[in-house]
Protein backbone atom coordinates (compact mmCIF):
# COMPACT_ATOMS: atom_id res chain seq x y z
CA UNK A 1 -33.62 -15.34 -0.08
CA UNK A 2 -32.54 -12.73 -2.56
CA UNK A 3 -33.26 -8.58 -2.67
CA UNK A 4 -35.73 -9.35 -5.41
CA UNK A 5 -37.95 -11.38 -3.29
CA UNK A 6 -38.33 -8.79 -0.98
CA UNK A 7 -39.31 -6.33 -3.53
CA UNK A 8 -41.59 -8.41 -4.46
CA UNK A 9 -43.28 -9.32 -1.19
CA UNK A 10 -43.46 -5.38 -0.76
CA UNK A 11 -45.34 -5.24 -4.24
CA UNK A 12 -48.04 -8.19 -3.44
CA UNK A 13 -48.33 -6.54 0.00
CA UNK A 14 -48.97 -3.21 -1.08
CA UNK A 15 -51.34 -4.24 -3.72
CA UNK A 16 -53.23 -7.18 -1.78
CA UNK A 17 -53.73 -8.54 -5.26
CA UNK A 18 -51.37 -11.05 -6.99
CA UNK A 19 -52.64 -9.65 -10.36
CA UNK A 20 -51.42 -5.65 -9.79
CA UNK A 21 -48.37 -6.87 -8.25
CA UNK A 22 -47.40 -8.59 -11.30
CA UNK A 23 -48.00 -6.22 -13.66
CA UNK A 24 -46.53 -3.27 -11.64
CA UNK A 25 -43.43 -6.11 -11.40
CA UNK A 26 -43.95 -6.55 -14.90
CA UNK A 27 -43.83 -10.38 -14.03
CA UNK A 28 -45.32 -13.28 -15.09
CA UNK A 29 -48.73 -13.92 -12.18
CA UNK A 30 -47.83 -17.37 -11.45
CA UNK A 31 -44.24 -16.84 -11.33
CA UNK A 32 -44.44 -14.12 -8.63
CA UNK A 33 -47.02 -16.25 -6.48
CA UNK A 34 -44.23 -19.14 -6.59
CA UNK A 35 -41.69 -16.71 -5.53
CA UNK A 36 -43.80 -15.48 -2.87
CA UNK A 37 -44.53 -19.37 -1.79
CA UNK A 38 -40.47 -19.74 -1.72
CA UNK A 39 -40.28 -16.90 0.50
CA UNK A 40 -42.85 -18.08 2.94
CA UNK A 41 -40.86 -21.37 2.94
CA UNK A 42 -37.56 -20.09 3.58
CA UNK A 43 -39.25 -17.98 6.39
CA UNK A 44 -41.11 -20.60 7.97
CA UNK A 45 -44.26 -18.10 8.07
CA UNK A 46 -47.49 -17.43 6.30
CA UNK A 47 -47.25 -13.98 5.01
CA UNK A 48 -50.31 -13.92 3.76
CA UNK A 49 -53.83 -14.95 4.36
CA UNK A 50 -55.64 -16.59 1.15
CA UNK A 51 -59.01 -15.60 0.80
CA UNK A 52 -61.81 -17.11 -1.29
CA UNK A 53 -61.32 -13.45 -3.06
CA UNK A 54 -58.05 -12.18 -2.71
CA UNK A 55 -55.24 -11.88 -0.28
CA UNK A 56 -54.28 -9.96 3.14
CA UNK A 57 -51.01 -9.65 5.01
CA UNK A 58 -50.47 -12.09 7.98
CA UNK A 59 -49.98 -10.84 11.19
CA UNK A 60 -46.40 -12.15 10.34
CA UNK A 61 -46.50 -10.13 7.22
CA UNK A 62 -47.65 -6.97 9.04
CA UNK A 63 -44.65 -7.14 10.74
CA UNK A 64 -42.30 -8.58 8.31
CA UNK A 65 -43.52 -5.34 6.19
CA UNK A 66 -41.98 -2.43 8.26
CA UNK A 67 -38.84 -4.92 8.34
CA UNK A 68 -38.94 -4.84 4.35
CA UNK A 69 -39.82 -1.38 3.69
CA UNK A 70 -36.92 -0.40 6.00
CA UNK A 71 -34.10 -2.77 4.56
CA UNK A 72 -35.09 -1.84 0.85
CA UNK A 73 -35.06 1.65 1.63
CA UNK A 74 -31.68 1.61 3.43
CA UNK A 75 -30.09 -0.38 -0.12
CA UNK A 76 -31.71 2.70 -2.24
CA UNK A 77 -29.62 5.21 0.18
CA UNK A 78 -27.15 2.99 -0.07
CA UNK A 79 -27.15 2.51 -4.01
CA UNK A 80 -27.43 6.49 -4.31
CA UNK A 81 -24.51 7.62 -1.97
CA UNK A 82 -22.33 4.85 -3.77
CA UNK A 83 -23.59 6.84 -7.17
CA UNK A 84 -22.84 10.39 -5.67
CA UNK A 85 -19.69 9.27 -4.20
CA UNK A 86 -18.58 7.66 -7.75
CA UNK A 87 -19.61 10.99 -9.27
CA UNK A 88 -18.15 13.96 -6.72
CA UNK A 89 -20.83 14.81 -5.27
CA UNK A 90 -20.08 13.20 -2.30
CA UNK A 91 -16.81 12.71 -0.19
CA UNK A 92 -14.07 14.25 1.51
CA UNK A 93 -11.56 16.81 -0.02
CA UNK A 94 -8.43 17.12 2.68
CA UNK A 95 -6.66 20.64 1.65
CA UNK A 96 -3.40 21.73 2.88
CA UNK A 97 -2.74 25.86 2.20
CA UNK A 98 0.23 27.69 3.53
CA UNK A 99 0.14 31.46 5.90
CA UNK A 100 0.33 33.48 2.74
CA UNK A 101 -2.24 31.24 1.00
CA UNK A 102 -4.72 31.65 3.93
CA UNK A 103 -4.61 35.26 3.33
CA UNK A 104 -5.33 35.42 -0.29
CA UNK A 105 -8.82 36.91 -1.13
CA UNK A 106 -9.55 34.44 -3.84
CA UNK A 107 -8.94 31.19 -1.83
CA UNK A 108 -12.32 31.96 0.44
CA UNK A 109 -14.19 32.24 -3.27
CA UNK A 110 -13.08 28.36 -4.58
CA UNK A 111 -14.27 27.07 -1.12
CA UNK A 112 -17.82 28.74 -1.30
CA UNK A 113 -17.64 27.90 -4.85
CA UNK A 114 -17.08 23.93 -4.16
CA UNK A 115 -19.55 24.20 -1.13
CA UNK A 116 -22.54 25.45 -3.26
CA UNK A 117 -22.29 23.46 -6.21
CA UNK A 118 -21.50 20.79 -4.06
CA UNK A 119 -22.91 20.68 -0.65
CA UNK A 120 -22.07 17.27 0.46
CA UNK A 121 -18.42 17.04 -0.05
CA UNK A 122 -16.65 17.64 3.43
CA UNK A 123 -13.45 20.03 3.13
CA UNK A 124 -10.92 19.50 5.47
CA UNK A 125 -8.53 22.13 5.73
CA UNK A 126 -5.11 22.13 6.80
CA UNK A 127 -2.86 24.98 7.77
CA UNK A 128 1.05 24.07 6.99
CA UNK A 129 4.31 25.04 5.13
CA UNK A 130 4.37 24.80 1.88
CA UNK A 131 7.30 22.06 2.58
CA UNK A 132 4.97 20.06 4.98
CA UNK A 133 2.01 20.29 2.14
CA UNK A 134 4.53 18.75 -0.33
CA UNK A 135 5.65 15.58 2.66
CA UNK A 136 1.88 15.53 3.38
CA UNK A 137 0.90 14.52 -0.39
CA UNK A 138 3.72 12.32 -0.82
CA UNK A 139 2.25 9.86 2.13
CA UNK A 140 -1.49 10.87 1.48
CA UNK A 141 -2.19 12.98 4.57
CA UNK A 142 -4.09 15.71 2.29
CA UNK A 143 -5.64 15.82 -1.14
CA UNK A 144 -4.65 18.93 -2.45
CA UNK A 145 -2.53 22.10 -1.34
CA UNK A 146 -2.46 25.45 -2.37
CA UNK A 147 1.16 26.11 -2.15
CA UNK A 148 4.63 28.24 -3.28
CA UNK A 149 7.55 26.32 -4.32
CA UNK A 150 6.59 23.12 -5.73
CA UNK A 151 9.54 21.44 -7.16
CA UNK A 152 9.92 21.70 -11.00
CA UNK A 153 10.10 18.32 -12.86
CA UNK A 154 8.33 16.32 -10.50
CA UNK A 155 5.67 13.90 -12.41
CA UNK A 156 3.85 12.85 -10.08
CA UNK A 157 2.17 16.06 -9.62
CA UNK A 158 -0.51 18.16 -11.02
CA UNK A 159 -0.64 22.09 -10.43
CA UNK A 160 -3.12 24.83 -11.52
CA UNK A 161 -1.23 28.50 -11.09
CA UNK A 162 -3.34 30.53 -8.67
CA UNK A 163 -1.57 34.14 -8.21
CA UNK A 164 2.30 35.47 -8.43
CA UNK A 165 3.92 37.31 -5.52
CA UNK A 166 7.40 38.52 -5.00
CA UNK A 167 9.14 40.01 -1.89
CA UNK A 168 10.05 43.46 -1.28
CA UNK A 169 11.59 44.60 2.58
CA UNK A 170 9.67 45.87 5.57
CA UNK A 171 11.09 48.42 8.06
CA UNK A 172 10.07 50.74 11.07
CA UNK A 173 7.88 54.11 9.48
CA UNK A 174 11.21 55.72 11.29
CA UNK A 175 13.92 54.73 10.26
CA UNK A 176 16.19 56.54 8.21
CA UNK A 177 15.86 54.49 5.04
CA UNK A 178 11.79 54.30 4.55
CA UNK A 179 11.51 57.80 3.08
CA UNK A 180 14.22 57.63 0.80
CA UNK A 181 13.31 57.32 -2.70
CA UNK A 182 14.95 54.38 -4.14
CA UNK A 183 16.19 51.18 -2.05
CA UNK A 184 19.02 48.83 -3.07
CA UNK A 185 20.56 45.64 -1.29
CA UNK A 186 23.44 47.94 -0.81
CA UNK A 187 21.17 50.55 1.45
CA UNK A 188 20.93 47.19 3.80
CA UNK A 189 24.37 46.52 4.57
CA UNK A 190 24.84 47.57 7.81
CA UNK A 191 21.05 46.52 8.85
CA UNK A 192 20.16 43.13 11.16
CA UNK A 193 17.34 40.91 9.97
CA UNK A 194 14.82 39.24 10.81
CA UNK A 195 14.83 35.88 8.93
CA UNK A 196 12.39 32.95 8.20
CA UNK A 197 12.98 29.46 10.00
CA UNK A 198 15.91 27.83 7.24
CA UNK A 199 14.67 24.26 8.74
CA UNK A 200 11.07 25.13 8.62
CA UNK A 201 11.15 27.25 4.89
CA UNK A 202 14.77 25.69 3.40
CA UNK A 203 13.59 26.74 -0.46
CA UNK A 204 12.58 30.17 0.23
CA UNK A 205 15.31 30.75 2.56
CA UNK A 206 17.82 29.54 -0.04
CA UNK A 207 16.51 31.77 -2.88
CA UNK A 208 16.09 34.52 -0.58
CA UNK A 209 20.12 34.52 0.73
CA UNK A 210 20.98 33.40 -2.88
CA UNK A 211 19.24 36.79 -4.37
CA UNK A 212 20.84 38.78 -1.59
CA UNK A 213 24.31 37.50 -2.33
CA UNK A 214 23.58 38.39 -5.64
CA UNK A 215 23.52 41.80 -4.85
CA UNK A 216 26.37 41.91 -2.16
CA UNK A 217 24.39 41.17 0.78
CA UNK A 218 25.10 38.99 3.19
CA UNK A 219 22.20 39.47 5.97
CA UNK A 220 23.02 39.90 9.31
CA UNK A 221 20.23 37.44 11.32
CA UNK A 222 19.70 38.51 15.00
CA UNK A 223 15.96 37.01 14.86
CA UNK A 224 14.04 34.23 13.31
CA UNK A 225 10.88 33.74 13.15
CA UNK A 226 7.95 31.98 10.68
CA UNK A 227 4.26 33.92 11.21
CA UNK A 228 4.21 36.77 9.09
CA UNK A 229 2.67 38.51 11.81
CA UNK A 230 5.32 38.04 14.19
CA UNK A 231 7.40 39.01 11.65
CA UNK A 232 5.82 42.34 11.24
CA UNK A 233 5.20 42.89 14.97
CA UNK A 234 9.28 42.62 15.49
CA UNK A 235 10.16 45.30 12.72
CA UNK A 236 7.74 47.35 14.45
CA UNK A 237 9.83 46.81 17.44
CA UNK A 238 12.82 47.74 16.38
CA UNK A 239 14.58 43.97 16.05
CA UNK A 240 15.51 44.35 12.46
CA UNK A 241 14.07 44.49 8.75
CA UNK A 242 13.08 41.59 7.18
CA UNK A 243 11.83 40.04 3.83
CA UNK A 244 7.73 40.15 3.25
CA UNK A 245 5.70 39.16 0.30
CA UNK A 246 4.84 42.27 -1.37
CA UNK A 247 0.87 41.31 -1.09
CA UNK A 248 1.33 41.85 2.89
CA UNK A 249 -1.22 44.38 3.60
CA UNK A 250 1.00 46.26 6.04
CA UNK A 251 -1.67 49.77 6.39
CA UNK A 252 -2.78 47.17 8.98
CA UNK A 253 0.25 48.00 10.91
CA UNK A 254 0.67 51.97 10.73
CA UNK A 255 4.16 51.66 12.72
CA UNK A 256 5.60 50.18 9.05
CA UNK A 257 6.30 50.33 5.61
CA UNK A 258 7.31 47.79 2.70
CA UNK A 259 9.62 49.06 -0.18
CA UNK A 260 10.19 47.68 -3.42
CA UNK A 261 14.44 47.11 -3.85
CA UNK A 262 15.49 47.86 -7.01
CA UNK A 263 18.24 44.89 -7.68
CA UNK A 264 16.29 42.63 -5.75
CA UNK A 265 13.30 40.18 -6.43
CA UNK A 266 12.49 36.73 -5.34
CA UNK A 267 9.03 35.96 -7.57
CA UNK A 268 6.84 33.01 -6.24
CA UNK A 269 3.59 31.55 -7.30
CA UNK A 270 0.86 30.11 -5.32
CA UNK A 271 -0.55 26.87 -6.96
CA UNK A 272 -3.60 24.39 -6.10
CA UNK A 273 -1.11 21.03 -6.50
CA UNK A 274 -2.66 17.98 -6.22
CA UNK A 275 -1.07 13.71 -7.22
CA UNK A 276 -1.80 12.75 -10.66
CA UNK A 277 -2.76 9.07 -9.62
CA UNK A 278 -5.21 10.73 -6.79
CA UNK A 279 -8.41 9.27 -8.63
CA UNK A 280 -10.93 10.72 -5.66
CA UNK A 281 -14.29 12.26 -7.54
CA UNK A 282 -14.61 14.74 -5.30
CA UNK A 283 -11.34 15.86 -5.15
CA UNK A 284 -11.79 16.18 -9.33
CA UNK A 285 -15.23 17.87 -8.76
CA UNK A 286 -12.79 20.58 -5.94
CA UNK A 287 -10.16 20.65 -8.93
CA UNK A 288 -12.88 21.60 -11.35
CA UNK A 289 -14.80 24.01 -9.36
CA UNK A 290 -11.17 26.23 -8.55
CA UNK A 291 -10.29 26.03 -12.46
CA UNK A 292 -13.81 27.12 -13.72
CA UNK A 293 -13.53 30.28 -10.66
CA UNK A 294 -9.71 31.10 -11.20
CA UNK A 295 -11.24 32.11 -15.06
CA UNK A 296 -13.98 34.17 -13.57
CA UNK A 297 -11.50 36.56 -12.28
């Protein structure tokens, strides 16, 4: 038995006439009659009652018709799903993003645009540090990531620039240096520092330390924290100073200020990164949507 037998049966059952069914199927009537007889022989039942003038479904045929309609509908749905998956209209994209990317104003728009264009793409979001995203991309745990510090010269990774940022120093609003007209690293030599974890942010940690040392400062670390809001709250409590992204909205926390240092810069670039060998059509549609949204801003 083949799928075409079911389609032939459905046409004959709905038309209750071999001639009309044959015309609908674009096959010769004798050939259609033989195919229906072959189907009945394979099932061992009479699906139609042959009348002096026409045919009608037998009781077995009526029962069979219900199942055939369901089977053919399932086949059509399966064909539609596989076509939509191949076109990237249906599927799943696993996306990583770090804390800085999470508060970036562009990200919600990327997700909203994707959901509007491709409502059947399921976006699974995971908050993780940039280094962890790179590891997750390598192992296939995620499909794409919004991250900083992509290793240069890695041909396995494709990327798209989203935005750039830099680092400044944050301190309590009542600090002696808070109102000073200009600041340099030398002004911070006697200050305690809250630093990010070297273990979790080794690339950025190394860049910040290198920039400090180049300017004549070896930060005296008294505490470490990885969460921006935890860092700012520790700064507000007077535990120490901390390097923080310039884009961080310190206005939400009136007890601290963010100051740019004249001789200190650690620029960072936010990128969407994915593996070049990831052939997921849903990923391709997500990347296309981000690219289109990024051009409009």
